[in-house]
């Protein structure tokens, strides 16, 4: 088998695997992103709401959290980035409602 054929076959197998992910696997991914992002935002929001991008990017899961800022009357939002490789989440800085208005049902 030539190198080109081998590289092509490996690339095809890798891309086919990504498309073959089950609904259950994506639901588990979204649940883990939600759990880790809520954990990362603990203490920043009194009653957080979250919406998770169901697939994220190739390398990262992405979510938006919002709610009442802890110890204040303001509503704020946070962006959360979840590293798919090491399964950790980090939140960005507080974004006031007048800068990022998000309604999460």
C-alpha atoms as a PDB file:
ATOM      1  CA  UNK A   1       0.000   0.000   0.000  1.00  0.00           C
ATOM      2  CA  UNK A   2       1.446   3.353  -0.964  1.00  0.00           C
ATOM      3  CA  UNK A   3       1.960   6.075   1.635  1.00  0.00           C
ATOM      4  CA  UNK A   4      -0.650   8.248  -0.063  1.00  0.00           C
ATOM      5  CA  UNK A   5      -3.243   5.474   0.121  1.00  0.00           C
ATOM      6  CA  UNK A   6      -2.420   4.805   3.764  1.00  0.00           C
ATOM      7  CA  UNK A   7      -2.653   8.502   4.705  1.00  0.00           C
ATOM      8  CA  UNK A   8      -5.926   8.868   2.789  1.00  0.00           C
ATOM      9  CA  UNK A   9      -7.396   5.788   4.483  1.00  0.00           C
ATOM     10  CA  UNK A  10      -6.388   7.033   7.920  1.00  0.00           C
ATOM     11  CA  UNK A  11      -7.850  10.493   7.263  1.00  0.00           C
ATOM     12  CA  UNK A  12     -11.105   8.976   6.033  1.00  0.00           C
ATOM     13  CA  UNK A  13     -11.356   6.662   9.053  1.00  0.00           C
ATOM     14  CA  UNK A  14     -10.779   9.568  11.426  1.00  0.00           C
ATOM     15  CA  UNK A  15     -13.430  11.757   9.802  1.00  0.00           C
ATOM     16  CA  UNK A  16     -15.896   8.869   9.623  1.00  0.00           C
ATOM     17  CA  UNK A  17     -15.475   8.311  13.360  1.00  0.00           C
ATOM     18  CA  UNK A  18     -16.436  11.917  14.084  1.00  0.00           C
ATOM     19  CA  UNK A  19     -19.603  11.589  12.043  1.00  0.00           C
ATOM     20  CA  UNK A  20     -20.426   8.259  13.674  1.00  0.00           C
ATOM     21  CA  UNK A  21     -20.808   9.718  17.170  1.00  0.00           C
ATOM     22  CA  UNK A  22     -24.126   8.687  18.619  1.00  0.00           C
ATOM     23  CA  UNK A  23     -26.831  10.932  20.019  1.00  0.00           C
ATOM     24  CA  UNK A  24     -26.068   9.420  23.410  1.00  0.00           C
ATOM     25  CA  UNK A  25     -22.389  10.364  23.126  1.00  0.00           C
ATOM     26  CA  UNK A  26     -23.283  13.972  22.246  1.00  0.00           C
ATOM     27  CA  UNK A  27     -25.791  14.123  25.121  1.00  0.00           C
ATOM     28  CA  UNK A  28     -23.113  12.831  27.507  1.00  0.00           C
ATOM     29  CA  UNK A  29     -20.692  15.438  26.154  1.00  0.00           C
ATOM     30  CA  UNK A  30     -23.213  18.268  26.688  1.00  0.00           C
ATOM     31  CA  UNK A  31     -23.940  17.025  30.208  1.00  0.00           C
ATOM     32  CA  UNK A  32     -20.235  16.962  31.090  1.00  0.00           C
ATOM     33  CA  UNK A  33     -19.730  20.465  29.656  1.00  0.00           C
ATOM     34  CA  UNK A  34     -22.701  21.704  31.687  1.00  0.00           C
ATOM     35  CA  UNK A  35     -21.488  20.064  34.902  1.00  0.00           C
ATOM     36  CA  UNK A  36     -17.904  21.303  34.565  1.00  0.00           C
ATOM     37  CA  UNK A  37     -18.932  24.846  33.545  1.00  0.00           C
ATOM     38  CA  UNK A  38     -21.393  25.172  36.414  1.00  0.00           C
ATOM     39  CA  UNK A  39     -18.673  23.944  38.755  1.00  0.00           C
ATOM     40  CA  UNK A  40     -16.199  26.506  37.342  1.00  0.00           C
ATOM     41  CA  UNK A  41     -18.732  29.313  37.889  1.00  0.00           C
ATOM     42  CA  UNK A  42     -19.625  28.268  41.435  1.00  0.00           C
ATOM     43  CA  UNK A  43     -19.730  31.292  43.689  1.00  0.00           C
ATOM     44  CA  UNK A  44     -20.071  33.740  40.786  1.00  0.00           C
ATOM     45  CA  UNK A  45     -23.792  33.274  40.115  1.00  0.00           C
ATOM     46  CA  UNK A  46     -26.563  32.743  42.664  1.00  0.00           C
ATOM     47  CA  UNK A  47     -28.938  30.769  40.425  1.00  0.00           C
ATOM     48  CA  UNK A  48     -27.117  30.048  37.189  1.00  0.00           C
ATOM     49  CA  UNK A  49     -28.748  29.085  33.901  1.00  0.00           C
ATOM     50  CA  UNK A  50     -26.675  27.476  31.179  1.00  0.00           C
ATOM     51  CA  UNK A  51     -26.928  26.729  27.488  1.00  0.00           C
ATOM     52  CA  UNK A  52     -24.380  24.398  25.904  1.00  0.00           C
ATOM     53  CA  UNK A  53     -23.403  24.346  22.256  1.00  0.00           C
ATOM     54  CA  UNK A  54     -24.337  20.715  21.488  1.00  0.00           C
ATOM     55  CA  UNK A  55     -21.099  19.971  19.581  1.00  0.00           C
ATOM     56  CA  UNK A  56     -18.615  22.742  20.324  1.00  0.00           C
ATOM     57  CA  UNK A  57     -15.542  23.089  18.162  1.00  0.00           C
ATOM     58  CA  UNK A  58     -13.080  20.408  17.183  1.00  0.00           C
ATOM     59  CA  UNK A  59     -11.120  20.969  20.404  1.00  0.00           C
ATOM     60  CA  UNK A  60     -13.483  22.746  22.776  1.00  0.00           C
ATOM     61  CA  UNK A  61     -16.964  22.655  24.219  1.00  0.00           C
ATOM     62  CA  UNK A  62     -18.619  26.051  24.611  1.00  0.00           C
ATOM     63  CA  UNK A  63     -21.371  27.257  26.932  1.00  0.00           C
ATOM     64  CA  UNK A  64     -22.954  30.482  28.138  1.00  0.00           C
ATOM     65  CA  UNK A  65     -23.996  30.877  31.761  1.00  0.00           C
ATOM     66  CA  UNK A  66     -26.079  33.703  33.130  1.00  0.00           C
ATOM     67  CA  UNK A  67     -27.981  34.744  36.198  1.00  0.00           C
ATOM     68  CA  UNK A  68     -27.887  37.036  39.181  1.00  0.00           C
ATOM     69  CA  UNK A  69     -24.363  37.959  40.183  1.00  0.00           C
ATOM     70  CA  UNK A  70     -23.450  36.605  43.611  1.00  0.00           C
ATOM     71  CA  UNK A  71     -23.908  39.303  46.236  1.00  0.00           C
ATOM     72  CA  UNK A  72     -25.306  41.862  43.791  1.00  0.00           C
ATOM     73  CA  UNK A  73     -28.556  42.736  42.035  1.00  0.00           C
ATOM     74  CA  UNK A  74     -27.078  42.746  38.520  1.00  0.00           C
ATOM     75  CA  UNK A  75     -27.671  40.050  35.936  1.00  0.00           C
ATOM     76  CA  UNK A  76     -24.457  38.886  34.290  1.00  0.00           C
ATOM     77  CA  UNK A  77     -23.203  36.280  31.836  1.00  0.00           C
ATOM     78  CA  UNK A  78     -20.057  34.209  31.537  1.00  0.00           C
ATOM     79  CA  UNK A  79     -18.586  32.341  28.598  1.00  0.00           C
ATOM     80  CA  UNK A  80     -17.273  28.906  29.441  1.00  0.00           C
ATOM     81  CA  UNK A  81     -14.713  26.930  27.451  1.00  0.00           C
ATOM     82  CA  UNK A  82     -14.364  23.187  28.016  1.00  0.00           C
ATOM     83  CA  UNK A  83     -11.209  21.431  26.859  1.00  0.00           C
ATOM     84  CA  UNK A  84     -12.306  18.188  25.164  1.00  0.00           C
ATOM     85  CA  UNK A  85      -8.898  16.588  25.644  1.00  0.00           C
ATOM     86  CA  UNK A  86      -8.413  17.053  29.389  1.00  0.00           C
ATOM     87  CA  UNK A  87     -12.118  17.543  30.243  1.00  0.00           C
ATOM     88  CA  UNK A  88     -11.630  20.756  32.224  1.00  0.00           C
ATOM     89  CA  UNK A  89     -13.599  23.992  32.020  1.00  0.00           C
ATOM     90  CA  UNK A  90     -12.699  27.630  32.489  1.00  0.00           C
ATOM     91  CA  UNK A  91     -14.963  30.655  32.594  1.00  0.00           C
ATOM     92  CA  UNK A  92     -14.152  34.072  31.219  1.00  0.00           C
ATOM     93  CA  UNK A  93     -14.696  37.345  32.997  1.00  0.00           C
ATOM     94  CA  UNK A  94     -18.092  38.654  34.046  1.00  0.00           C
ATOM     95  CA  UNK A  95     -20.057  40.249  31.206  1.00  0.00           C
ATOM     96  CA  UNK A  96     -22.782  42.697  32.266  1.00  0.00           C
ATOM     97  CA  UNK A  97     -26.255  42.319  30.748  1.00  0.00           C
ATOM     98  CA  UNK A  98     -25.856  45.534  28.754  1.00  0.00           C
ATOM     99  CA  UNK A  99     -22.835  43.985  26.976  1.00  0.00           C
ATOM    100  CA  UNK A 100     -24.178  40.458  26.469  1.00  0.00           C
ATOM    101  CA  UNK A 101     -27.914  40.011  26.796  1.00  0.00           C
ATOM    102  CA  UNK A 102     -28.795  36.333  26.930  1.00  0.00           C
ATOM    103  CA  UNK A 103     -32.122  34.744  27.776  1.00  0.00           C
ATOM    104  CA  UNK A 104     -31.892  31.087  28.712  1.00  0.00           C
ATOM    105  CA  UNK A 105     -35.221  29.339  29.178  1.00  0.00           C
END
